[in-house]
N, C-alpha and C. Protein backbone atom coordinates (compact mmCIF):
# COMPACT_ATOMS: atom_id res chain seq x y z
N MET A 1 -42.68 -66.01 74.58
CA MET A 1 -41.94 -67.03 75.32
C MET A 1 -41.16 -68.08 74.34
N HIS A 2 -42.18 -68.42 73.22
CA HIS A 2 -41.45 -69.38 72.23
C HIS A 2 -40.40 -68.66 71.41
N HIS A 3 -40.55 -67.47 71.16
CA HIS A 3 -39.52 -66.50 70.47
C HIS A 3 -38.13 -66.63 71.19
N ALA A 4 -38.31 -66.29 72.55
CA ALA A 4 -37.06 -66.54 73.31
C ALA A 4 -36.30 -67.68 73.32
N ARG A 5 -37.20 -68.78 73.31
CA ARG A 5 -36.40 -70.24 73.24
C ARG A 5 -35.88 -70.40 71.90
N ARG A 6 -36.67 -70.08 70.86
CA ARG A 6 -36.05 -70.27 69.61
C ARG A 6 -34.91 -69.42 69.34
N THR A 7 -34.80 -68.12 69.72
CA THR A 7 -33.64 -67.29 69.76
C THR A 7 -32.47 -67.92 70.52
N ALA A 8 -32.59 -68.35 71.72
CA ALA A 8 -31.64 -69.02 72.53
C ALA A 8 -31.14 -70.31 71.74
N GLY A 9 -32.11 -71.02 71.35
CA GLY A 9 -31.58 -72.28 70.62
C GLY A 9 -30.81 -71.99 69.37
N PHE A 10 -31.21 -70.90 68.57
CA PHE A 10 -30.32 -70.46 67.40
C PHE A 10 -29.10 -69.94 67.84
N THR A 11 -28.97 -69.23 68.97
CA THR A 11 -27.77 -68.64 69.27
C THR A 11 -26.71 -69.71 69.76
N MET A 12 -27.31 -70.73 70.46
CA MET A 12 -26.50 -71.88 70.79
C MET A 12 -26.01 -72.62 69.69
N ALA A 13 -26.86 -72.90 68.71
CA ALA A 13 -26.53 -73.67 67.56
C ALA A 13 -25.30 -72.74 66.69
N LEU A 14 -25.53 -71.46 66.71
CA LEU A 14 -24.39 -70.89 65.97
C LEU A 14 -23.19 -70.71 66.75
N ALA A 15 -23.12 -70.68 68.16
CA ALA A 15 -21.91 -70.81 68.84
C ALA A 15 -21.30 -72.15 68.70
N ALA A 16 -22.05 -73.33 68.80
CA ALA A 16 -21.50 -74.66 68.39
C ALA A 16 -20.82 -74.69 67.09
N ALA A 17 -21.46 -74.18 66.13
CA ALA A 17 -20.96 -74.09 64.75
C ALA A 17 -19.58 -73.27 64.69
N ALA A 18 -19.56 -72.12 65.40
CA ALA A 18 -18.33 -71.33 65.43
C ALA A 18 -17.26 -72.16 66.06
N LEU A 19 -17.47 -72.85 67.19
CA LEU A 19 -16.50 -73.71 67.84
C LEU A 19 -16.00 -74.72 66.86
N LEU A 20 -16.72 -75.39 66.22
CA LEU A 20 -16.46 -76.39 65.11
C LEU A 20 -15.48 -75.74 64.12
N ILE A 21 -15.94 -74.61 63.44
CA ILE A 21 -15.27 -73.95 62.51
C ILE A 21 -13.82 -73.39 63.04
N ALA A 22 -13.86 -73.05 64.41
CA ALA A 22 -12.57 -72.44 64.96
C ALA A 22 -11.58 -73.58 65.20
N GLY A 23 -11.94 -74.73 65.06
CA GLY A 23 -10.97 -75.86 65.29
C GLY A 23 -10.95 -76.59 66.41
N CYS A 24 -12.21 -76.59 67.02
CA CYS A 24 -12.26 -77.46 68.29
C CYS A 24 -12.44 -78.89 68.05
N GLY A 25 -12.30 -79.33 66.84
CA GLY A 25 -12.61 -80.60 66.32
C GLY A 25 -11.27 -81.46 66.66
N ASP A 26 -11.09 -82.64 65.99
CA ASP A 26 -10.03 -83.59 66.10
C ASP A 26 -9.01 -83.19 64.95
N ASP A 27 -9.26 -82.18 64.27
CA ASP A 27 -8.09 -82.01 63.14
C ASP A 27 -6.96 -81.39 63.65
N ASP A 28 -6.77 -80.98 65.01
CA ASP A 28 -5.46 -80.47 65.44
C ASP A 28 -5.07 -79.05 64.70
N SER A 29 -5.91 -78.43 64.37
CA SER A 29 -5.82 -77.02 63.75
C SER A 29 -5.12 -76.07 64.57
N ASP A 30 -4.20 -75.20 64.00
CA ASP A 30 -3.62 -74.20 64.74
C ASP A 30 -4.13 -72.90 64.75
N THR A 31 -5.54 -72.72 64.52
CA THR A 31 -6.04 -71.40 64.49
C THR A 31 -7.24 -71.44 65.38
N ALA A 32 -7.71 -70.28 65.79
CA ALA A 32 -8.87 -70.16 66.67
C ALA A 32 -9.70 -68.90 66.10
N ALA A 33 -10.79 -68.81 66.78
CA ALA A 33 -11.68 -67.76 66.37
C ALA A 33 -11.21 -66.41 66.78
N VAL A 34 -11.78 -65.32 66.21
CA VAL A 34 -11.57 -63.91 66.62
C VAL A 34 -12.30 -63.85 68.13
N VAL A 35 -11.60 -63.17 68.93
CA VAL A 35 -12.04 -63.10 70.39
C VAL A 35 -12.12 -61.65 70.75
N THR A 36 -13.20 -61.07 70.90
CA THR A 36 -13.34 -59.65 71.42
C THR A 36 -13.73 -59.74 72.97
N THR A 37 -13.04 -58.74 73.58
CA THR A 37 -13.30 -58.62 74.98
C THR A 37 -14.07 -57.19 75.11
N PRO A 38 -15.37 -57.09 75.18
CA PRO A 38 -16.19 -55.94 75.02
C PRO A 38 -15.63 -54.98 76.30
N THR A 39 -15.35 -55.41 77.50
CA THR A 39 -14.95 -54.53 78.59
C THR A 39 -13.76 -53.85 78.32
N LEU A 40 -12.82 -54.37 77.44
CA LEU A 40 -11.60 -53.65 77.22
C LEU A 40 -11.57 -53.02 75.75
N GLY A 41 -12.65 -53.46 75.05
CA GLY A 41 -12.64 -52.99 73.62
C GLY A 41 -11.57 -53.60 72.60
N MET A 42 -10.96 -54.70 73.21
CA MET A 42 -9.80 -55.10 72.30
C MET A 42 -10.24 -56.45 71.61
N THR A 43 -9.74 -56.55 70.38
CA THR A 43 -9.85 -57.79 69.63
C THR A 43 -8.61 -58.52 69.44
N THR A 44 -8.43 -59.67 69.72
CA THR A 44 -7.30 -60.40 69.46
C THR A 44 -7.75 -61.47 68.31
N GLY A 45 -7.52 -60.93 67.02
CA GLY A 45 -8.04 -61.82 65.86
C GLY A 45 -7.22 -62.79 65.58
N ALA A 46 -7.96 -63.87 65.15
CA ALA A 46 -7.28 -65.04 64.48
C ALA A 46 -6.05 -65.54 65.25
N MET A 47 -6.14 -65.74 66.60
CA MET A 47 -5.03 -66.03 67.48
C MET A 47 -4.51 -67.42 67.08
N ALA A 48 -3.29 -67.69 66.78
CA ALA A 48 -2.90 -69.08 66.63
C ALA A 48 -2.45 -69.67 67.96
N THR A 49 -2.65 -70.88 68.15
CA THR A 49 -2.20 -71.61 69.23
C THR A 49 -1.06 -72.65 68.89
N THR A 50 -0.16 -72.74 69.68
CA THR A 50 0.88 -73.78 69.52
C THR A 50 1.02 -74.69 70.70
N HIS A 51 1.50 -75.89 70.52
CA HIS A 51 1.87 -76.64 71.69
C HIS A 51 3.05 -76.11 72.35
N SER A 52 3.11 -76.26 73.78
CA SER A 52 4.27 -75.83 74.59
C SER A 52 5.27 -76.74 74.53
N GLU A 53 5.46 -77.56 73.48
CA GLU A 53 6.67 -78.45 73.62
C GLU A 53 8.01 -77.59 73.53
N ALA A 54 8.09 -76.38 73.05
CA ALA A 54 9.37 -75.69 72.99
C ALA A 54 9.77 -75.30 74.35
N HIS A 55 8.81 -75.42 75.37
CA HIS A 55 9.03 -75.12 76.62
C HIS A 55 9.18 -76.19 77.56
N GLY A 56 9.02 -77.44 77.04
CA GLY A 56 9.20 -78.78 77.66
C GLY A 56 8.02 -78.93 78.68
N ALA A 57 6.90 -78.14 78.37
CA ALA A 57 5.77 -78.38 79.29
C ALA A 57 4.98 -79.53 78.89
N ASP A 58 3.71 -79.56 79.47
CA ASP A 58 2.73 -80.60 79.20
C ASP A 58 2.21 -80.26 77.73
N ASP A 59 1.22 -81.12 77.45
CA ASP A 59 0.65 -81.00 76.01
C ASP A 59 -0.55 -79.99 75.96
N THR A 60 -0.52 -78.91 76.74
CA THR A 60 -1.60 -77.92 76.63
C THR A 60 -1.14 -76.95 75.57
N ASP A 61 -2.16 -76.12 75.18
CA ASP A 61 -1.89 -75.15 74.19
C ASP A 61 -1.64 -73.83 74.76
N THR A 62 -0.91 -72.94 74.12
CA THR A 62 -0.39 -71.58 74.82
C THR A 62 -0.98 -70.57 73.87
N PRO A 63 -1.23 -69.22 74.33
CA PRO A 63 -1.68 -68.24 73.46
C PRO A 63 -0.74 -68.07 72.29
N ASP A 64 -1.17 -67.11 71.40
CA ASP A 64 -0.66 -66.81 70.21
C ASP A 64 0.88 -66.52 70.25
N ARG A 65 1.71 -67.22 69.53
CA ARG A 65 3.18 -67.12 69.51
C ARG A 65 3.45 -66.90 68.06
N GLU A 66 4.40 -66.11 67.60
CA GLU A 66 4.96 -65.97 66.42
C GLU A 66 5.46 -67.24 65.96
N PRO A 67 5.10 -67.68 64.69
CA PRO A 67 5.71 -68.91 64.13
C PRO A 67 7.09 -68.92 64.01
N ASP A 68 7.76 -67.77 63.66
CA ASP A 68 9.25 -67.73 63.43
C ASP A 68 10.05 -67.44 64.68
N ASN A 69 9.27 -67.05 65.78
CA ASN A 69 9.87 -66.94 67.11
C ASN A 69 8.97 -67.40 68.14
N PRO A 70 9.08 -68.67 68.68
CA PRO A 70 8.02 -69.21 69.48
C PRO A 70 7.89 -68.56 70.88
N ASP A 71 8.92 -67.54 71.12
CA ASP A 71 8.85 -66.99 72.53
C ASP A 71 8.48 -65.60 72.60
N GLU A 72 7.50 -65.20 71.45
CA GLU A 72 7.08 -63.96 71.44
C GLU A 72 5.69 -63.80 70.94
N THR A 73 4.99 -62.78 71.24
CA THR A 73 3.64 -62.51 70.68
C THR A 73 3.47 -61.13 70.59
N LYS A 74 2.43 -60.67 69.87
CA LYS A 74 2.04 -59.31 69.71
C LYS A 74 0.67 -59.19 70.52
N ILE A 75 0.64 -58.14 71.24
CA ILE A 75 -0.53 -57.93 72.10
C ILE A 75 -1.18 -56.60 71.78
N PRO A 76 -2.44 -56.64 71.30
CA PRO A 76 -3.07 -55.31 70.99
C PRO A 76 -3.19 -54.40 72.21
N THR A 77 -3.16 -53.17 71.98
CA THR A 77 -3.16 -52.15 73.04
C THR A 77 -4.46 -51.43 72.90
N ALA A 78 -4.81 -50.56 73.90
CA ALA A 78 -6.25 -50.01 73.79
C ALA A 78 -6.16 -48.99 72.67
N GLY A 79 -4.90 -48.40 72.23
CA GLY A 79 -4.85 -47.49 71.14
C GLY A 79 -4.94 -48.23 69.87
N GLY A 80 -5.01 -49.40 69.80
CA GLY A 80 -5.16 -50.23 68.50
C GLY A 80 -3.84 -50.62 67.83
N THR A 81 -2.72 -50.40 68.48
CA THR A 81 -1.39 -50.80 67.91
C THR A 81 -1.27 -52.30 68.65
N GLU A 82 -0.15 -52.89 68.12
CA GLU A 82 0.34 -54.01 68.72
C GLU A 82 1.53 -53.99 69.15
N VAL A 83 1.94 -54.54 70.46
CA VAL A 83 3.31 -54.41 71.02
C VAL A 83 3.69 -55.97 71.21
N THR A 84 4.94 -56.11 70.91
CA THR A 84 5.51 -57.44 71.16
C THR A 84 5.94 -57.60 72.53
N VAL A 85 5.60 -58.68 73.17
CA VAL A 85 5.83 -59.22 74.47
C VAL A 85 6.69 -60.62 74.39
N SER A 86 7.91 -60.74 74.85
CA SER A 86 8.57 -61.98 74.54
C SER A 86 9.34 -62.56 75.71
N GLY A 87 9.66 -63.75 75.40
CA GLY A 87 10.66 -64.53 76.45
C GLY A 87 10.08 -64.76 77.87
N ASP A 88 10.85 -64.63 78.83
CA ASP A 88 10.45 -64.78 80.28
C ASP A 88 9.46 -63.58 80.66
N ILE A 89 9.60 -62.38 80.14
CA ILE A 89 8.71 -61.34 80.45
C ILE A 89 7.24 -61.75 79.89
N TYR A 90 7.20 -62.42 78.77
CA TYR A 90 5.93 -62.71 78.25
C TYR A 90 5.37 -63.95 79.16
N ASP A 91 6.20 -64.90 79.65
CA ASP A 91 5.69 -65.95 80.46
C ASP A 91 5.10 -65.44 81.70
N LYS A 92 5.80 -64.39 82.43
CA LYS A 92 5.36 -63.87 83.55
C LYS A 92 4.11 -62.96 83.39
N TYR A 93 4.04 -62.29 82.27
CA TYR A 93 2.98 -61.54 81.90
C TYR A 93 1.72 -62.45 81.75
N MET A 94 1.71 -63.55 81.12
CA MET A 94 0.61 -64.35 80.86
C MET A 94 0.13 -65.07 82.19
N ALA A 95 1.23 -65.48 83.10
CA ALA A 95 0.99 -65.98 84.44
C ALA A 95 0.20 -65.09 85.34
N ALA A 96 0.31 -63.60 85.02
CA ALA A 96 -0.32 -62.76 85.81
C ALA A 96 -1.70 -62.39 85.27
N GLY A 97 -2.07 -63.03 84.24
CA GLY A 97 -3.35 -62.77 83.61
C GLY A 97 -3.35 -62.13 82.11
N GLY A 98 -2.06 -61.84 81.76
CA GLY A 98 -2.15 -61.21 80.33
C GLY A 98 -2.88 -59.93 80.32
N PRO A 99 -3.37 -59.64 79.18
CA PRO A 99 -4.03 -58.46 78.88
C PRO A 99 -5.27 -58.16 79.81
N THR A 100 -5.90 -59.21 80.23
CA THR A 100 -7.15 -59.13 80.98
C THR A 100 -6.77 -58.97 82.51
N GLY A 101 -5.58 -59.19 82.87
CA GLY A 101 -5.25 -59.37 84.26
C GLY A 101 -4.92 -57.92 84.75
N PRO A 102 -4.24 -57.79 85.97
CA PRO A 102 -3.98 -56.48 86.58
C PRO A 102 -3.06 -55.57 85.90
N LEU A 103 -2.00 -56.27 85.11
CA LEU A 103 -1.00 -55.49 84.40
C LEU A 103 -1.71 -54.86 83.07
N GLY A 104 -2.72 -55.40 82.60
CA GLY A 104 -3.32 -54.91 81.42
C GLY A 104 -2.52 -54.84 80.19
N ALA A 105 -2.82 -54.08 79.35
CA ALA A 105 -2.01 -54.19 77.96
C ALA A 105 -0.62 -53.62 78.09
N PRO A 106 0.41 -53.99 77.18
CA PRO A 106 1.76 -53.24 77.20
C PRO A 106 1.61 -51.87 76.76
N LEU A 107 2.58 -51.10 77.32
CA LEU A 107 2.57 -49.65 76.82
C LEU A 107 3.69 -49.49 75.75
N GLU A 108 4.80 -50.19 75.80
CA GLU A 108 5.72 -50.19 74.85
C GLU A 108 6.53 -51.44 74.85
N PRO A 109 7.38 -51.59 73.86
CA PRO A 109 8.29 -52.74 73.61
C PRO A 109 9.20 -52.86 74.73
N GLN A 110 9.75 -54.03 74.96
CA GLN A 110 10.73 -54.39 75.93
C GLN A 110 11.88 -53.55 75.73
N GLU A 111 12.46 -53.03 76.80
CA GLU A 111 13.66 -52.15 76.89
C GLU A 111 14.73 -52.69 77.67
N SER A 112 15.97 -52.21 77.38
CA SER A 112 17.19 -52.62 78.02
C SER A 112 17.19 -52.01 79.51
N ALA A 113 17.64 -52.64 80.54
CA ALA A 113 17.72 -52.14 81.90
C ALA A 113 19.30 -52.25 82.27
N PRO A 114 19.68 -51.62 83.43
CA PRO A 114 21.05 -51.68 83.91
C PRO A 114 21.57 -53.29 83.99
N ASN A 115 22.72 -53.36 83.76
CA ASN A 115 23.54 -54.56 83.91
C ASN A 115 22.91 -55.65 83.15
N ASP A 116 22.74 -55.49 81.79
CA ASP A 116 22.15 -56.36 80.82
C ASP A 116 20.78 -56.93 81.24
N GLY A 117 19.92 -56.23 82.22
CA GLY A 117 18.72 -56.73 82.48
C GLY A 117 17.70 -56.16 81.33
N LYS A 118 16.36 -56.50 81.62
CA LYS A 118 15.45 -55.83 80.58
C LYS A 118 14.15 -55.58 81.43
N TYR A 119 13.21 -54.93 80.88
CA TYR A 119 11.92 -54.57 81.38
C TYR A 119 10.95 -54.37 80.33
N GLN A 120 9.65 -54.28 80.82
CA GLN A 120 8.57 -53.82 79.91
C GLN A 120 7.46 -53.22 80.85
N ASP A 121 6.98 -52.04 80.39
CA ASP A 121 6.02 -51.29 80.91
C ASP A 121 4.61 -51.82 80.54
N PHE A 122 3.69 -51.82 81.41
CA PHE A 122 2.29 -52.28 81.19
C PHE A 122 1.45 -51.33 81.97
N VAL A 123 0.17 -51.28 81.34
CA VAL A 123 -0.74 -50.25 82.03
C VAL A 123 -0.81 -50.23 83.64
N GLY A 124 -0.64 -51.41 84.27
CA GLY A 124 -0.76 -51.59 85.62
C GLY A 124 0.57 -51.76 86.33
N GLY A 125 1.53 -51.74 85.76
CA GLY A 125 2.92 -51.93 86.35
C GLY A 125 4.06 -52.37 85.47
N THR A 126 5.24 -52.77 85.96
CA THR A 126 6.27 -53.06 84.95
C THR A 126 6.86 -54.43 85.53
N ILE A 127 7.36 -55.25 84.50
CA ILE A 127 7.94 -56.48 84.76
C ILE A 127 9.56 -56.22 84.46
N TYR A 128 10.31 -56.47 85.41
CA TYR A 128 11.85 -56.35 85.42
C TYR A 128 12.38 -57.78 85.45
N GLU A 129 13.57 -57.88 84.63
CA GLU A 129 14.20 -59.13 84.65
C GLU A 129 15.67 -58.84 84.69
N PRO A 130 16.39 -59.33 85.71
CA PRO A 130 18.00 -59.18 85.54
C PRO A 130 18.49 -60.13 84.59
N ALA A 131 19.72 -59.85 84.22
CA ALA A 131 20.44 -60.76 83.43
C ALA A 131 20.39 -62.20 83.68
N ASP A 132 20.65 -62.47 84.96
CA ASP A 132 20.81 -63.81 85.60
C ASP A 132 19.76 -64.11 86.66
N GLY A 133 18.54 -63.65 86.39
CA GLY A 133 17.55 -63.99 87.40
C GLY A 133 16.07 -64.11 86.68
N GLU A 134 15.09 -64.24 87.56
CA GLU A 134 13.84 -64.34 87.10
C GLU A 134 13.11 -63.01 87.04
N PRO A 135 12.08 -62.87 86.11
CA PRO A 135 11.31 -61.65 86.20
C PRO A 135 10.31 -61.51 87.26
N HIS A 136 10.10 -60.24 87.65
CA HIS A 136 9.13 -59.85 88.76
C HIS A 136 8.45 -58.62 88.61
N ILE A 137 7.23 -58.63 89.04
CA ILE A 137 6.38 -57.38 88.84
C ILE A 137 6.69 -56.47 89.87
N VAL A 138 6.63 -55.10 89.50
CA VAL A 138 6.70 -54.03 90.40
C VAL A 138 5.67 -53.11 90.05
N TRP A 139 4.85 -52.65 91.00
CA TRP A 139 3.79 -51.79 90.71
C TRP A 139 3.40 -50.84 92.04
N GLY A 140 2.42 -49.91 91.55
CA GLY A 140 1.92 -49.15 92.68
C GLY A 140 2.82 -48.26 93.55
N GLU A 141 2.51 -48.22 94.79
CA GLU A 141 3.47 -47.27 95.68
C GLU A 141 4.87 -47.87 95.90
N ILE A 142 4.92 -49.15 95.96
CA ILE A 142 6.31 -49.86 96.00
C ILE A 142 7.03 -49.49 94.89
N ARG A 143 6.52 -49.54 93.76
CA ARG A 143 7.24 -49.08 92.47
C ARG A 143 7.71 -47.63 92.50
N LYS A 144 6.88 -46.65 92.96
CA LYS A 144 7.10 -45.27 93.00
C LYS A 144 8.39 -45.14 93.95
N ALA A 145 8.40 -45.90 95.06
CA ALA A 145 9.41 -45.78 96.09
C ALA A 145 10.69 -46.30 95.56
N TRP A 146 10.59 -47.46 94.63
CA TRP A 146 11.63 -47.95 94.24
C TRP A 146 12.29 -47.15 93.18
N GLU A 147 11.56 -46.42 92.24
CA GLU A 147 12.12 -45.73 91.34
C GLU A 147 12.73 -44.56 92.00
N GLU A 148 12.09 -43.90 92.96
CA GLU A 148 12.57 -42.82 93.67
C GLU A 148 14.04 -43.02 94.27
N ASN A 149 14.43 -44.36 94.53
CA ASN A 149 15.69 -44.76 95.07
C ASN A 149 16.50 -45.38 93.93
N GLY A 150 16.26 -45.09 92.84
CA GLY A 150 17.07 -45.30 91.61
C GLY A 150 16.81 -46.51 90.83
N GLY A 151 15.70 -47.21 91.22
CA GLY A 151 15.21 -48.41 90.54
C GLY A 151 16.26 -49.44 90.47
N ALA A 152 16.29 -50.11 89.26
CA ALA A 152 17.40 -51.34 89.08
C ALA A 152 18.72 -50.82 89.17
N ALA A 153 19.02 -49.46 88.92
CA ALA A 153 20.48 -48.84 88.83
C ALA A 153 20.60 -48.40 90.40
N GLY A 154 19.82 -48.28 91.24
CA GLY A 154 19.99 -47.92 92.66
C GLY A 154 20.55 -48.90 93.58
N GLU A 155 20.72 -48.57 94.85
CA GLU A 155 21.03 -49.46 95.96
C GLU A 155 20.27 -50.80 96.12
N LEU A 156 18.95 -50.62 95.88
CA LEU A 156 17.99 -51.68 95.91
C LEU A 156 18.02 -52.63 94.85
N GLY A 157 18.46 -52.32 93.63
CA GLY A 157 18.83 -53.25 92.56
C GLY A 157 17.48 -53.89 92.15
N TYR A 158 17.58 -54.93 91.51
CA TYR A 158 16.36 -55.64 90.91
C TYR A 158 15.60 -56.29 91.84
N PRO A 159 14.23 -56.35 91.59
CA PRO A 159 13.26 -57.21 92.33
C PRO A 159 13.76 -58.58 92.39
N ILE A 160 13.56 -59.27 93.61
CA ILE A 160 13.85 -60.67 93.63
C ILE A 160 12.69 -61.43 94.09
N SER A 161 11.48 -60.59 94.26
CA SER A 161 10.25 -61.39 94.55
C SER A 161 9.04 -60.47 93.89
N ASP A 162 8.00 -61.16 93.75
CA ASP A 162 6.90 -60.22 93.40
C ASP A 162 6.40 -59.76 94.77
N GLU A 163 5.34 -58.87 94.52
CA GLU A 163 4.74 -58.26 95.67
C GLU A 163 3.87 -59.27 96.44
N THR A 164 4.22 -59.26 97.85
CA THR A 164 3.41 -60.23 98.63
C THR A 164 2.59 -59.40 99.73
N ASP A 165 1.51 -60.15 100.10
CA ASP A 165 0.50 -59.61 101.19
C ASP A 165 1.31 -59.79 102.43
N ILE A 166 1.32 -58.79 103.37
CA ILE A 166 1.73 -58.78 104.80
C ILE A 166 0.64 -58.06 105.58
N PRO A 167 0.62 -58.22 106.88
CA PRO A 167 -0.49 -57.59 107.64
C PRO A 167 -0.50 -56.23 107.49
N GLY A 168 -1.67 -55.76 107.06
CA GLY A 168 -1.74 -54.16 106.73
C GLY A 168 -1.43 -53.64 105.39
N GLY A 169 -0.87 -54.62 104.52
CA GLY A 169 -0.26 -54.07 103.22
C GLY A 169 0.49 -55.03 102.39
N LYS A 170 1.46 -54.49 101.76
CA LYS A 170 2.21 -55.31 100.72
C LYS A 170 3.77 -55.11 100.92
N GLN A 171 4.60 -56.06 100.43
CA GLN A 171 5.87 -56.10 100.44
C GLN A 171 6.51 -56.64 99.24
N SER A 172 7.71 -55.95 98.78
CA SER A 172 8.49 -56.58 97.75
C SER A 172 10.01 -56.55 98.11
N GLU A 173 10.59 -57.60 97.79
CA GLU A 173 11.95 -57.90 98.14
C GLU A 173 12.89 -57.51 96.94
N PHE A 174 14.05 -56.85 97.18
CA PHE A 174 14.92 -56.45 96.13
C PHE A 174 16.28 -57.06 96.51
N SER A 175 17.26 -57.19 95.53
CA SER A 175 18.63 -57.61 95.82
C SER A 175 19.30 -56.86 96.92
N GLY A 176 18.97 -55.67 96.93
CA GLY A 176 19.62 -54.72 98.08
C GLY A 176 18.78 -54.25 99.06
N GLY A 177 17.46 -54.74 99.29
CA GLY A 177 16.71 -54.41 100.38
C GLY A 177 15.10 -54.80 100.26
N THR A 178 14.33 -54.09 100.95
CA THR A 178 12.97 -54.38 100.97
C THR A 178 12.22 -53.08 101.01
N ILE A 179 10.98 -53.12 100.38
CA ILE A 179 10.04 -52.03 100.48
C ILE A 179 8.66 -52.59 100.91
N THR A 180 8.06 -51.87 102.00
CA THR A 180 6.96 -52.27 102.46
C THR A 180 5.84 -50.99 102.19
N TRP A 181 4.60 -51.51 102.07
CA TRP A 181 3.56 -50.45 102.09
C TRP A 181 2.55 -50.95 103.00
N VAL A 182 2.41 -50.44 104.20
CA VAL A 182 1.42 -50.69 105.25
C VAL A 182 0.76 -49.59 105.71
N ASN A 183 -0.51 -49.87 105.66
CA ASN A 183 -1.61 -48.78 106.11
C ASN A 183 -1.19 -47.39 105.37
N GLY A 184 -0.84 -47.44 104.10
CA GLY A 184 -0.63 -46.26 103.29
C GLY A 184 0.77 -45.73 103.51
N GLN A 185 1.59 -46.09 104.34
CA GLN A 185 3.02 -45.76 104.48
C GLN A 185 3.93 -46.66 103.87
N VAL A 186 4.85 -45.93 103.10
CA VAL A 186 5.90 -46.78 102.46
C VAL A 186 7.11 -46.72 103.21
N THR A 187 7.94 -47.84 103.51
CA THR A 187 9.03 -48.04 104.11
C THR A 187 10.08 -48.59 103.30
N VAL A 188 11.27 -48.07 103.07
CA VAL A 188 12.37 -48.72 102.43
C VAL A 188 13.50 -48.96 103.37
N THR A 189 13.88 -50.23 103.33
CA THR A 189 14.89 -50.92 104.25
C THR A 189 15.92 -51.37 103.39
N MET A 190 17.20 -50.96 103.47
CA MET A 190 18.32 -51.40 102.92
C MET A 190 19.07 -52.54 103.56
N LYS A 191 19.58 -53.50 102.75
CA LYS A 191 20.41 -54.70 103.45
C LYS A 191 21.55 -54.12 104.12
């Protein structure tokens, strides 16, 4: 019993020391400790944090952004490589939970989409952004139906909403229509 208490006390002392070394003091350091997520087997080593002044937000810290380009970061993948996620797609990705959220790790770098848009594929879905609009997530059966109908280049066009809950299923709005998934049945409705 005493051994368990000493071990717990020692572990807590080590954790507190690690926090102090990692920059949790008053020195306003821009580095943090290496973080390992055992469930995903990912390590996000020595992540820098920067203030979100570039985005005009409050004085909270944001995850690792490249110092020469404050609107991008490299995210480690399950395969051990790093893929850059940037701009509005990065912001949407982080709002959805980042690498530990339902989208998971990025599969590939951002790519060009029809009509000067862009997209990026992740393990759990894709974020699409039109040239003159906001990024939205498309995934699952709705994504399959959308792609079968031409995706962003088809009549449905770009997503204009994220997937929302509806009675019995999900729904996504697109510039040219709606796709619903209710009780396992997909319905595509053009405007």
